[in-house]
Amino acid sequence: MGTKGTTYLGIDGGGTRCRARIEDENGTALGEASSGPATTRIGVDKAWRSIMEATEAAATQAGLSREDFAQMHAGIGLAGIGRRGAKAALGEIAHPFASVNFISDGLAACLGAHSGADGAIVVAGTGSVGVGLVDGREIRLAGYGFPVSDEGSGADIGLQVVRLALRAADRRAELTPLLSEVLGAFDHDPYQAVAWSEEAKATDYAAFAPIVMRHANQGDPVGRRIVERAADAIGDLLDLFLARGTDRLSLVGGLADAITSWLTPDLRVRLKRPDGDAAAGALLVARRRLELPRMETEHEPASKFRV
């Protein structure tokens, strides 16, 4: 089956998974599907395979064939797009779509959260970043990538707990229920954890975040300290946007709901529920309903180090 009508594709390509959503000209959702990670940190080729896997699954759900991609306009939000050489490599891909616009996954999430209007978000997921839109400018805070940045993210939480678990294994720290469970993932063998760490990626560390959150909510002292530290890092980014006079502010990402309850009350009351998600933001780009903002950071002279 298939259709000859124009369709639109929104991609939310993150460090944990890639989501694809297809809509018709009226904004009616036709199909949606997910695949594995889509971030340039795993390589542009692997990221593109995840994008196409999710797109093809969504197209099947929509009753579209690959031939219909020629009339499909795509907006693709992709994690790690600012890494050196990533945009050039993406530009060389022979895509099957009528048009493609690549943006960062953070910008896609911000556009979706505020329906393209001015506002800001802080992403708390596998990674973390602050993204704002002010008068046609994209403002980016942190989000330089794990492990050098992304404080308060799932990956950062996982890194902290693995470190502390190794300390407990040496009896340099108390072996709490949380740390015992984490060590159990490595058969209580510190050297197995070390071997794992040599190959582990951000998504692997982030897999420990739900365990930490669960134990923190149950009162584990180590879990509480890790989550409080993460909430402080996320809160710092929120405060920076508030200091700039940003009125529309949302917390998004896989850890958003879990972290919200650990924020200070004054920050919690300032948050608004997002209008839509990153796929919705990418669809705005696919439909060319807004002019893409120019980017700035808080420390412009260091811009050559953006990731």
C-alpha atoms as a PDB file:
ATOM      1  CA  MET A   1       0.000   0.000   0.000  1.00  0.00           C
ATOM      2  CA  GLY A   2       1.127   3.621  -0.195  1.00  0.00           C
ATOM      3  CA  THR A   3       0.085   7.194  -0.779  1.00  0.00           C
ATOM      4  CA  LYS A   4       1.195   9.875  -3.187  1.00  0.00           C
ATOM      5  CA  GLY A   5       0.482  12.660  -0.709  1.00  0.00           C
ATOM      6  CA  THR A   6       3.102  14.754   1.032  1.00  0.00           C
ATOM      7  CA  THR A   7       4.104  13.471   4.464  1.00  0.00           C
ATOM      8  CA  TYR A   8       6.367  14.733   7.237  1.00  0.00           C
ATOM      9  CA  LEU A   9       8.854  12.874   9.406  1.00  0.00           C
ATOM     10  CA  GLY A  10      10.071  13.925  12.835  1.00  0.00           C
ATOM     11  CA  ILE A  11      13.078  12.130  14.331  1.00  0.00           C
ATOM     12  CA  ASP A  12      14.156  12.260  17.967  1.00  0.00           C
ATOM     13  CA  GLY A  13      17.590  10.648  17.889  1.00  0.00           C
ATOM     14  CA  GLY A  14      19.004  10.306  21.382  1.00  0.00           C
ATOM     15  CA  GLY A  15      21.668   8.421  23.254  1.00  0.00           C
ATOM     16  CA  THR A  16      19.297   5.657  24.353  1.00  0.00           C
ATOM     17  CA  ARG A  17      16.837   5.321  21.473  1.00  0.00           C
ATOM     18  CA  CYS A  18      15.588   6.840  18.242  1.00  0.00           C
ATOM     19  CA  ARG A  19      11.915   7.683  17.738  1.00  0.00           C
ATOM     20  CA  ALA A  20      10.299   8.377  14.391  1.00  0.00           C
ATOM     21  CA  ARG A  21       6.873   9.960  13.880  1.00  0.00           C
ATOM     22  CA  ILE A  22       5.143  10.450  10.530  1.00  0.00           C
ATOM     23  CA  GLU A  23       2.292  12.904   9.966  1.00  0.00           C
ATOM     24  CA  ASP A  24       0.205  13.910   6.966  1.00  0.00           C
ATOM     25  CA  GLU A  25      -0.333  17.444   5.697  1.00  0.00           C
ATOM     26  CA  ASN A  26      -3.085  18.007   8.277  1.00  0.00           C
ATOM     27  CA  GLY A  27      -0.889  17.032  11.215  1.00  0.00           C
ATOM     28  CA  THR A  28      -2.568  13.677  11.709  1.00  0.00           C
ATOM     29  CA  ALA A  29      -0.200  11.039  13.079  1.00  0.00           C
ATOM     30  CA  LEU A  30       0.144   8.146  10.651  1.00  0.00           C
ATOM     31  CA  GLY A  31       2.816   6.031  12.297  1.00  0.00           C
ATOM     32  CA  GLU A  32       5.377   5.997  15.082  1.00  0.00           C
ATOM     33  CA  ALA A  33       8.184   3.595  15.961  1.00  0.00           C
ATOM     34  CA  SER A  34      11.458   3.343  17.851  1.00  0.00           C
ATOM     35  CA  SER A  35      14.875   1.810  17.334  1.00  0.00           C
ATOM     36  CA  GLY A  36      18.249   1.826  19.085  1.00  0.00           C
ATOM     37  CA  PRO A  37      20.543   4.791  19.898  1.00  0.00           C
ATOM     38  CA  ALA A  38      20.995   7.524  17.304  1.00  0.00           C
ATOM     39  CA  THR A  39      23.871   9.739  18.348  1.00  0.00           C
ATOM     40  CA  THR A  40      26.983  10.688  16.427  1.00  0.00           C
ATOM     41  CA  ARG A  41      29.019   9.407  19.378  1.00  0.00           C
ATOM     42  CA  ILE A  42      28.392   5.851  18.132  1.00  0.00           C
ATOM     43  CA  GLY A  43      29.306   6.931  14.590  1.00  0.00           C
ATOM     44  CA  VAL A  44      27.283   8.677  11.911  1.00  0.00           C
ATOM     45  CA  ASP A  45      26.723   5.451   9.975  1.00  0.00           C
ATOM     46  CA  LYS A  46      25.306   3.634  13.010  1.00  0.00           C
ATOM     47  CA  ALA A  47      23.164   6.620  13.921  1.00  0.00           C
ATOM     48  CA  TRP A  48      21.761   6.774  10.382  1.00  0.00           C
ATOM     49  CA  ARG A  49      20.934   3.052  10.485  1.00  0.00           C
ATOM     50  CA  SER A  50      18.919   3.630  13.657  1.00  0.00           C
ATOM     51  CA  ILE A  51      17.139   6.569  12.010  1.00  0.00           C
ATOM     52  CA  MET A  52      16.193   4.516   8.979  1.00  0.00           C
ATOM     53  CA  GLU A  53      15.171   1.502  11.071  1.00  0.00           C
ATOM     54  CA  ALA A  54      12.742   3.628  13.094  1.00  0.00           C
ATOM     55  CA  THR A  55      11.519   5.453   9.980  1.00  0.00           C
ATOM     56  CA  GLU A  56      10.841   2.265   8.047  1.00  0.00           C
ATOM     57  CA  ALA A  57       8.957   0.761  11.001  1.00  0.00           C
ATOM     58  CA  ALA A  58       6.839   3.922  11.337  1.00  0.00           C
ATOM     59  CA  ALA A  59       6.207   3.904   7.575  1.00  0.00           C
ATOM     60  CA  THR A  60       5.030   0.298   7.711  1.00  0.00           C
ATOM     61  CA  GLN A  61       2.609   1.257  10.483  1.00  0.00           C
ATOM     62  CA  ALA A  62       1.421   4.154   8.307  1.00  0.00           C
ATOM     63  CA  GLY A  63       0.925   1.916   5.294  1.00  0.00           C
ATOM     64  CA  LEU A  64       3.691   3.651   3.354  1.00  0.00           C
ATOM     65  CA  SER A  65       6.392   2.106   1.214  1.00  0.00           C
ATOM     66  CA  ARG A  66       9.959   3.263   0.689  1.00  0.00           C
ATOM     67  CA  GLU A  67       8.888   4.800  -2.607  1.00  0.00           C
ATOM     68  CA  ASP A  68       6.734   7.234  -0.629  1.00  0.00           C
ATOM     69  CA  PHE A  69       9.867   8.636   1.066  1.00  0.00           C
ATOM     70  CA  ALA A  70      10.425  10.764  -2.045  1.00  0.00           C
ATOM     71  CA  GLN A  71       7.456  12.881  -0.928  1.00  0.00           C
ATOM     72  CA  MET A  72       8.383  12.877   2.749  1.00  0.00           C
ATOM     73  CA  HIS A  73      10.042  15.925   4.331  1.00  0.00           C
ATOM     74  CA  ALA A  74      12.219  15.069   7.309  1.00  0.00           C
ATOM     75  CA  GLY A  75      13.259  17.015  10.393  1.00  0.00           C
ATOM     76  CA  ILE A  76      15.946  15.092  12.265  1.00  0.00           C
ATOM     77  CA  GLY A  77      16.954  15.929  15.825  1.00  0.00           C
ATOM     78  CA  LEU A  78      20.197  14.115  16.545  1.00  0.00           C
ATOM     79  CA  ALA A  79      22.339  13.856  19.657  1.00  0.00           C
ATOM     80  CA  GLY A  80      25.984  14.863  19.218  1.00  0.00           C
ATOM     81  CA  ILE A  81      25.367  16.791  16.012  1.00  0.00           C
ATOM     82  CA  GLY A  82      27.777  19.513  17.123  1.00  0.00           C
ATOM     83  CA  ARG A  83      30.724  17.134  17.241  1.00  0.00           C
ATOM     84  CA  ARG A  84      33.497  18.078  14.862  1.00  0.00           C
ATOM     85  CA  GLY A  85      32.825  16.712  11.370  1.00  0.00           C
ATOM     86  CA  ALA A  86      29.356  15.374  12.207  1.00  0.00           C
ATOM     87  CA  LYS A  87      27.339  17.815  10.089  1.00  0.00           C
ATOM     88  CA  ALA A  88      29.651  17.351   7.120  1.00  0.00           C
ATOM     89  CA  ALA A  89      29.330  13.577   7.373  1.00  0.00           C
ATOM     90  CA  LEU A  90      25.546  13.791   7.653  1.00  0.00           C
ATOM     91  CA  GLY A  91      25.453  16.050   4.592  1.00  0.00           C
ATOM     92  CA  GLU A  92      27.140  13.348   2.531  1.00  0.00           C
ATOM     93  CA  ILE A  93      24.471  10.730   3.243  1.00  0.00           C
ATOM     94  CA  ALA A  94      22.397   9.808   0.198  1.00  0.00           C
ATOM     95  CA  HIS A  95      18.981  10.059   1.875  1.00  0.00           C
ATOM     96  CA  PRO A  96      15.706   9.000   0.205  1.00  0.00           C
ATOM     97  CA  PHE A  97      13.611  11.984   1.374  1.00  0.00           C
ATOM     98  CA  ALA A  98      12.214  15.021  -0.409  1.00  0.00           C
ATOM     99  CA  SER A  99      14.150  17.228   2.021  1.00  0.00           C
ATOM    100  CA  VAL A 100      16.107  16.846   5.259  1.00  0.00           C
ATOM    101  CA  ASN A 101      16.951  19.324   7.991  1.00  0.00           C
ATOM    102  CA  PHE A 102      19.305  18.236  10.785  1.00  0.00           C
ATOM    103  CA  ILE A 103      19.215  19.899  14.211  1.00  0.00           C
ATOM    104  CA  SER A 104      20.392  18.886  17.670  1.00  0.00           C
ATOM    105  CA  ASP A 105      18.126  16.671  19.751  1.00  0.00           C
ATOM    106  CA  GLY A 106      18.145  19.390  22.414  1.00  0.00           C
ATOM    107  CA  LEU A 107      16.860  22.025  20.002  1.00  0.00           C
ATOM    108  CA  ALA A 108      14.200  19.600  18.767  1.00  0.00           C
ATOM    109  CA  ALA A 109      13.067  19.052  22.366  1.00  0.00           C
ATOM    110  CA  CYS A 110      12.973  22.808  23.034  1.00  0.00           C
ATOM    111  CA  LEU A 111      10.943  23.486  19.889  1.00  0.00           C
ATOM    112  CA  GLY A 112       8.501  20.746  20.813  1.00  0.00           C
ATOM    113  CA  ALA A 113       8.214  21.801  24.451  1.00  0.00           C
ATOM    114  CA  HIS A 114       7.205  25.361  23.582  1.00  0.00           C
ATOM    115  CA  SER A 115       5.596  24.825  20.153  1.00  0.00           C
ATOM    116  CA  GLY A 116       8.405  26.784  18.507  1.00  0.00           C
ATOM    117  CA  ALA A 117       7.995  29.824  20.789  1.00  0.00           C
ATOM    118  CA  ASP A 118      10.673  31.353  23.005  1.00  0.00           C
ATOM    119  CA  GLY A 119      11.444  29.346  26.103  1.00  0.00           C
ATOM    120  CA  ALA A 120      13.972  26.939  27.521  1.00  0.00           C
ATOM    121  CA  ILE A 121      14.345  23.333  28.534  1.00  0.00           C
ATOM    122  CA  VAL A 122      16.756  21.291  30.562  1.00  0.00           C
ATOM    123  CA  VAL A 123      17.156  17.728  29.351  1.00  0.00           C
ATOM    124  CA  ALA A 124      17.697  15.077  32.019  1.00  0.00           C
ATOM    125  CA  GLY A 125      18.162  11.788  30.230  1.00  0.00           C
ATOM    126  CA  THR A 126      21.119   9.631  29.280  1.00  0.00           C
ATOM    127  CA  GLY A 127      22.899  12.983  28.946  1.00  0.00           C
ATOM    128  CA  SER A 128      21.996  16.463  30.144  1.00  0.00           C
ATOM    129  CA  VAL A 129      21.937  19.876  28.493  1.00  0.00           C
ATOM    130  CA  GLY A 130      20.158  23.204  28.712  1.00  0.00           C
ATOM    131  CA  VAL A 131      18.702  24.683  25.516  1.00  0.00           C
ATOM    132  CA  GLY A 132      16.837  27.953  25.171  1.00  0.00           C
ATOM    133  CA  LEU A 133      15.298  30.037  22.390  1.00  0.00           C
ATOM    134  CA  VAL A 134      15.401  33.807  22.845  1.00  0.00           C
ATOM    135  CA  ASP A 135      14.717  36.289  20.030  1.00  0.00           C
ATOM    136  CA  GLY A 136      15.848  33.951  17.270  1.00  0.00           C
ATOM    137  CA  ARG A 137      18.943  32.766  19.158  1.00  0.00           C
ATOM    138  CA  GLU A 138      19.609  29.279  20.434  1.00  0.00           C
ATOM    139  CA  ILE A 139      21.303  29.332  23.838  1.00  0.00           C
ATOM    140  CA  ARG A 140      23.070  26.168  24.878  1.00  0.00           C
ATOM    141  CA  LEU A 141      24.361  25.417  28.371  1.00  0.00           C
ATOM    142  CA  ALA A 142      26.587  22.436  29.193  1.00  0.00           C
ATOM    143  CA  GLY A 143      25.880  19.183  27.349  1.00  0.00           C
ATOM    144  CA  TYR A 144      29.468  18.734  26.174  1.00  0.00           C
ATOM    145  CA  GLY A 145      29.179  14.968  26.464  1.00  0.00           C
ATOM    146  CA  PHE A 146      29.847  12.202  28.946  1.00  0.00           C
ATOM    147  CA  PRO A 147      32.061  11.844  30.944  1.00  0.00           C
ATOM    148  CA  VAL A 148      33.529  15.386  30.806  1.00  0.00           C
ATOM    149  CA  SER A 149      30.104  17.044  31.102  1.00  0.00           C
ATOM    150  CA  ASP A 150      26.408  16.034  31.343  1.00  0.00           C
ATOM    151  CA  GLU A 151      26.261  16.478  35.107  1.00  0.00           C
ATOM    152  CA  GLY A 152      22.997  15.247  36.593  1.00  0.00           C
ATOM    153  CA  SER A 153      22.349  12.874  33.693  1.00  0.00           C
ATOM    154  CA  GLY A 154      21.617   9.173  33.867  1.00  0.00           C
ATOM    155  CA  ALA A 155      25.126   8.397  32.658  1.00  0.00           C
ATOM    156  CA  ASP A 156      26.648  10.659  35.311  1.00  0.00           C
ATOM    157  CA  ILE A 157      24.518   9.047  38.028  1.00  0.00           C
ATOM    158  CA  GLY A 158      25.658   5.616  36.846  1.00  0.00           C
ATOM    159  CA  LEU A 159      29.307   6.636  36.843  1.00  0.00           C
ATOM    160  CA  GLN A 160      29.070   7.935  40.406  1.00  0.00           C
ATOM    161  CA  VAL A 161      27.446   4.782  41.742  1.00  0.00           C
ATOM    162  CA  VAL A 162      29.943   2.450  40.056  1.00  0.00           C
ATOM    163  CA  ARG A 163      32.818   4.461  41.518  1.00  0.00           C
ATOM    164  CA  LEU A 164      31.299   4.308  44.987  1.00  0.00           C
ATOM    165  CA  ALA A 165      30.571   0.594  44.629  1.00  0.00           C
ATOM    166  CA  LEU A 166      34.269  -0.034  43.971  1.00  0.00           C
ATOM    167  CA  ARG A 167      35.128   1.965  47.083  1.00  0.00           C
ATOM    168  CA  ALA A 168      32.731  -0.158  49.101  1.00  0.00           C
ATOM    169  CA  ALA A 169      34.253  -3.347  47.676  1.00  0.00           C
ATOM    170  CA  ASP A 170      37.586  -2.214  49.158  1.00  0.00           C
ATOM    171  CA  ARG A 171      35.875  -1.385  52.471  1.00  0.00           C
ATOM    172  CA  ARG A 172      36.763   2.262  51.932  1.00  0.00           C
ATOM    173  CA  ALA A 173      33.054   3.071  52.215  1.00  0.00           C
ATOM    174  CA  GLU A 174      29.935   1.570  53.747  1.00  0.00           C
ATOM    175  CA  LEU A 175      28.323  -1.208  51.701  1.00  0.00           C
ATOM    176  CA  THR A 176      24.734   0.042  51.482  1.00  0.00           C
ATOM    177  CA  PRO A 177      21.914  -1.943  49.813  1.00  0.00           C
ATOM    178  CA  LEU A 178      22.359   0.201  46.688  1.00  0.00           C
ATOM    179  CA  LEU A 179      26.073  -0.474  46.403  1.00  0.00           C
ATOM    180  CA  SER A 180      25.545  -4.158  47.107  1.00  0.00           C
ATOM    181  CA  GLU A 181      23.058  -4.393  44.224  1.00  0.00           C
ATOM    182  CA  VAL A 182      25.424  -2.574  41.866  1.00  0.00           C
ATOM    183  CA  LEU A 183      28.320  -4.856  42.822  1.00  0.00           C
ATOM    184  CA  GLY A 184      25.987  -7.806  42.307  1.00  0.00           C
ATOM    185  CA  ALA A 185      25.700  -6.798  38.650  1.00  0.00           C
ATOM    186  CA  PHE A 186      29.420  -7.646  38.434  1.00  0.00           C
ATOM    187  CA  ASP A 187      29.218 -10.804  40.579  1.00  0.00           C
ATOM    188  CA  HIS A 188      30.771  -8.780  43.408  1.00  0.00           C
ATOM    189  CA  ASP A 189      34.054  -8.826  41.499  1.00  0.00           C
ATOM    190  CA  PRO A 190      35.654  -5.350  41.225  1.00  0.00           C
ATOM    191  CA  TYR A 191      37.863  -6.486  38.361  1.00  0.00           C
ATOM    192  CA  GLN A 192      34.812  -7.541  36.372  1.00  0.00           C
ATOM    193  CA  ALA A 193      33.496  -3.999  36.856  1.00  0.00           C
ATOM    194  CA  VAL A 194      36.816  -2.577  35.661  1.00  0.00           C
ATOM    195  CA  ALA A 195      36.745  -4.780  32.549  1.00  0.00           C
ATOM    196  CA  TRP A 196      33.167  -3.664  31.875  1.00  0.00           C
ATOM    197  CA  SER A 197      34.112   0.007  32.266  1.00  0.00           C
ATOM    198  CA  GLU A 198      36.752  -0.285  29.553  1.00  0.00           C
ATOM    199  CA  GLU A 199      34.013  -0.890  26.976  1.00  0.00           C
ATOM    200  CA  ALA A 200      31.025   0.809  28.636  1.00  0.00           C
ATOM    201  CA  LYS A 201      29.277   3.724  26.933  1.00  0.00           C
ATOM    202  CA  ALA A 202      27.043   6.423  28.349  1.00  0.00           C
ATOM    203  CA  THR A 203      23.947   4.272  27.827  1.00  0.00           C
ATOM    204  CA  ASP A 204      25.537   1.437  29.816  1.00  0.00           C
ATOM    205  CA  TYR A 205      26.206   3.709  32.781  1.00  0.00           C
ATOM    206  CA  ALA A 206      22.740   5.254  32.482  1.00  0.00           C
ATOM    207  CA  ALA A 207      21.190   1.800  32.960  1.00  0.00           C
ATOM    208  CA  PHE A 208      22.150   2.084  36.642  1.00  0.00           C
ATOM    209  CA  ALA A 209      20.228   5.359  37.123  1.00  0.00           C
ATOM    210  CA  PRO A 210      16.800   3.754  37.797  1.00  0.00           C
ATOM    211  CA  ILE A 211      18.429   1.532  40.424  1.00  0.00           C
ATOM    212  CA  VAL A 212      19.953   4.568  42.124  1.00  0.00           C
ATOM    213  CA  MET A 213      16.635   6.444  42.004  1.00  0.00           C
ATOM    214  CA  ARG A 214      14.782   3.493  43.515  1.00  0.00           C
ATOM    215  CA  HIS A 215      17.204   3.127  46.412  1.00  0.00           C
ATOM    216  CA  ALA A 216      17.321   6.891  46.970  1.00  0.00           C
ATOM    217  CA  ASN A 217      13.547   7.004  47.283  1.00  0.00           C
ATOM    218  CA  GLN A 218      13.793   4.133  49.784  1.00  0.00           C
ATOM    219  CA  GLY A 219      16.237   6.135  51.901  1.00  0.00           C
ATOM    220  CA  ASP A 220      19.590   4.614  50.948  1.00  0.00           C
ATOM    221  CA  PRO A 221      22.114   7.267  52.107  1.00  0.00           C
ATOM    222  CA  VAL A 222      24.465   6.821  49.147  1.00  0.00           C
ATOM    223  CA  GLY A 223      21.585   6.864  46.704  1.00  0.00           C
ATOM    224  CA  ARG A 224      20.228  10.038  48.272  1.00  0.00           C
ATOM    225  CA  ARG A 225      23.586  11.800  48.013  1.00  0.00           C
ATOM    226  CA  ILE A 226      24.001  10.850  44.357  1.00  0.00           C
ATOM    227  CA  VAL A 227      20.486  11.986  43.433  1.00  0.00           C
ATOM    228  CA  GLU A 228      20.773  15.196  45.454  1.00  0.00           C
ATOM    229  CA  ARG A 229      23.995  15.982  43.589  1.00  0.00           C
ATOM    230  CA  ALA A 230      22.261  15.275  40.250  1.00  0.00           C
ATOM    231  CA  ALA A 231      19.281  17.466  41.201  1.00  0.00           C
ATOM    232  CA  ASP A 232      21.651  20.290  42.154  1.00  0.00           C
ATOM    233  CA  ALA A 233      23.330  20.087  38.734  1.00  0.00           C
ATOM    234  CA  ILE A 234      19.992  20.142  36.902  1.00  0.00           C
ATOM    235  CA  GLY A 235      18.787  22.935  39.180  1.00  0.00           C
ATOM    236  CA  ASP A 236      21.858  25.029  38.345  1.00  0.00           C
ATOM    237  CA  LEU A 237      20.942  24.932  34.652  1.00  0.00           C
ATOM    238  CA  LEU A 238      17.337  25.870  35.406  1.00  0.00           C
ATOM    239  CA  ASP A 239      18.546  28.780  37.552  1.00  0.00           C
ATOM    240  CA  LEU A 240      20.717  30.105  34.733  1.00  0.00           C
ATOM    241  CA  PHE A 241      17.726  30.354  32.407  1.00  0.00           C
ATOM    242  CA  LEU A 242      15.585  31.946  35.115  1.00  0.00           C
ATOM    243  CA  ALA A 243      18.332  34.518  35.681  1.00  0.00           C
ATOM    244  CA  ARG A 244      18.036  35.462  32.003  1.00  0.00           C
ATOM    245  CA  GLY A 245      14.336  36.162  32.473  1.00  0.00           C
ATOM    246  CA  THR A 246      13.058  33.007  30.754  1.00  0.00           C
ATOM    247  CA  ASP A 247       9.382  32.587  31.613  1.00  0.00           C
ATOM    248  CA  ARG A 248       8.670  29.317  29.832  1.00  0.00           C
ATOM    249  CA  LEU A 249      10.785  26.562  31.332  1.00  0.00           C
ATOM    250  CA  SER A 250      10.400  22.783  31.117  1.00  0.00           C
ATOM    251  CA  LEU A 251      12.303  19.743  32.309  1.00  0.00           C
ATOM    252  CA  VAL A 252      12.323  16.906  29.776  1.00  0.00           C
ATOM    253  CA  GLY A 253      14.040  13.568  29.215  1.00  0.00           C
ATOM    254  CA  GLY A 254      13.794  10.071  30.614  1.00  0.00           C
ATOM    255  CA  LEU A 255      14.764  11.156  34.139  1.00  0.00           C
ATOM    256  CA  ALA A 256      12.689  14.354  34.210  1.00  0.00           C
ATOM    257  CA  ASP A 257       9.835  13.025  36.337  1.00  0.00           C
ATOM    258  CA  ALA A 258      12.168  11.232  38.738  1.00  0.00           C
ATOM    259  CA  ILE A 259      14.453  14.238  39.221  1.00  0.00           C
ATOM    260  CA  THR A 260      11.638  16.800  39.550  1.00  0.00           C
ATOM    261  CA  SER A 261      10.681  15.621  43.018  1.00  0.00           C
ATOM    262  CA  TRP A 262      14.283  16.206  44.171  1.00  0.00           C
ATOM    263  CA  LEU A 263      14.407  19.819  42.973  1.00  0.00           C
ATOM    264  CA  THR A 264      13.872  22.702  45.382  1.00  0.00           C
ATOM    265  CA  PRO A 265      10.218  23.787  45.738  1.00  0.00           C
ATOM    266  CA  ASP A 266      10.878  27.181  44.120  1.00  0.00           C
ATOM    267  CA  LEU A 267      12.157  25.485  40.969  1.00  0.00           C
ATOM    268  CA  ARG A 268       9.365  22.916  40.822  1.00  0.00           C
ATOM    269  CA  VAL A 269       6.682  25.619  40.743  1.00  0.00           C
ATOM    270  CA  ARG A 270       8.411  27.396  37.841  1.00  0.00           C
ATOM    271  CA  LEU A 271       8.297  24.366  35.551  1.00  0.00           C
ATOM    272  CA  LYS A 272       5.587  23.999  32.919  1.00  0.00           C
ATOM    273  CA  ARG A 273       4.481  20.808  31.271  1.00  0.00           C
ATOM    274  CA  PRO A 274       5.946  20.562  27.733  1.00  0.00           C
ATOM    275  CA  ASP A 275       3.515  21.169  24.874  1.00  0.00           C
ATOM    276  CA  GLY A 276       5.098  18.342  22.902  1.00  0.00           C
ATOM    277  CA  ASP A 277       8.176  16.181  22.635  1.00  0.00           C
ATOM    278  CA  ALA A 278      11.334  16.304  20.533  1.00  0.00           C
ATOM    279  CA  ALA A 279       9.669  14.463  17.651  1.00  0.00           C
ATOM    280  CA  ALA A 280       7.028  17.220  17.575  1.00  0.00           C
ATOM    281  CA  GLY A 281       9.806  19.810  17.452  1.00  0.00           C
ATOM    282  CA  ALA A 282      11.517  17.973  14.616  1.00  0.00           C
ATOM    283  CA  LEU A 283       8.209  17.918  12.737  1.00  0.00           C
ATOM    284  CA  LEU A 284       8.010  21.727  12.982  1.00  0.00           C
ATOM    285  CA  VAL A 285      11.395  21.821  11.263  1.00  0.00           C
ATOM    286  CA  ALA A 286      10.285  19.290   8.653  1.00  0.00           C
ATOM    287  CA  ARG A 287       7.291  21.492   7.856  1.00  0.00           C
ATOM    288  CA  ARG A 288       9.574  24.570   7.689  1.00  0.00           C
ATOM    289  CA  ARG A 289       7.197  26.464   9.973  1.00  0.00           C
ATOM    290  CA  LEU A 290       9.972  28.432  11.632  1.00  0.00           C
ATOM    291  CA  GLU A 291      13.361  29.881  10.919  1.00  0.00           C
ATOM    292  CA  LEU A 292      16.122  27.894  12.589  1.00  0.00           C
ATOM    293  CA  PRO A 293      17.800  29.946  15.312  1.00  0.00           C
ATOM    294  CA  ARG A 294      21.439  30.928  15.291  1.00  0.00           C
ATOM    295  CA  MET A 295      23.432  29.365  18.087  1.00  0.00           C
ATOM    296  CA  GLU A 296      25.281  30.988  20.960  1.00  0.00           C
ATOM    297  CA  THR A 297      26.783  29.701  24.205  1.00  0.00           C
ATOM    298  CA  GLU A 298      27.555  31.361  27.499  1.00  0.00           C
ATOM    299  CA  HIS A 299      31.258  31.231  26.622  1.00  0.00           C
ATOM    300  CA  GLU A 300      31.466  32.077  22.929  1.00  0.00           C
ATOM    301  CA  PRO A 301      35.313  32.079  22.686  1.00  0.00           C
ATOM    302  CA  ALA A 302      35.268  28.367  23.548  1.00  0.00           C
ATOM    303  CA  SER A 303      32.776  27.539  20.785  1.00  0.00           C
ATOM    304  CA  LYS A 304      35.252  25.451  18.837  1.00  0.00           C
ATOM    305  CA  PHE A 305      34.951  22.855  21.618  1.00  0.00           C
ATOM    306  CA  ARG A 306      31.198  22.364  21.280  1.00  0.00           C
ATOM    307  CA  VAL A 307      29.976  18.795  21.008  1.00  0.00           C
END
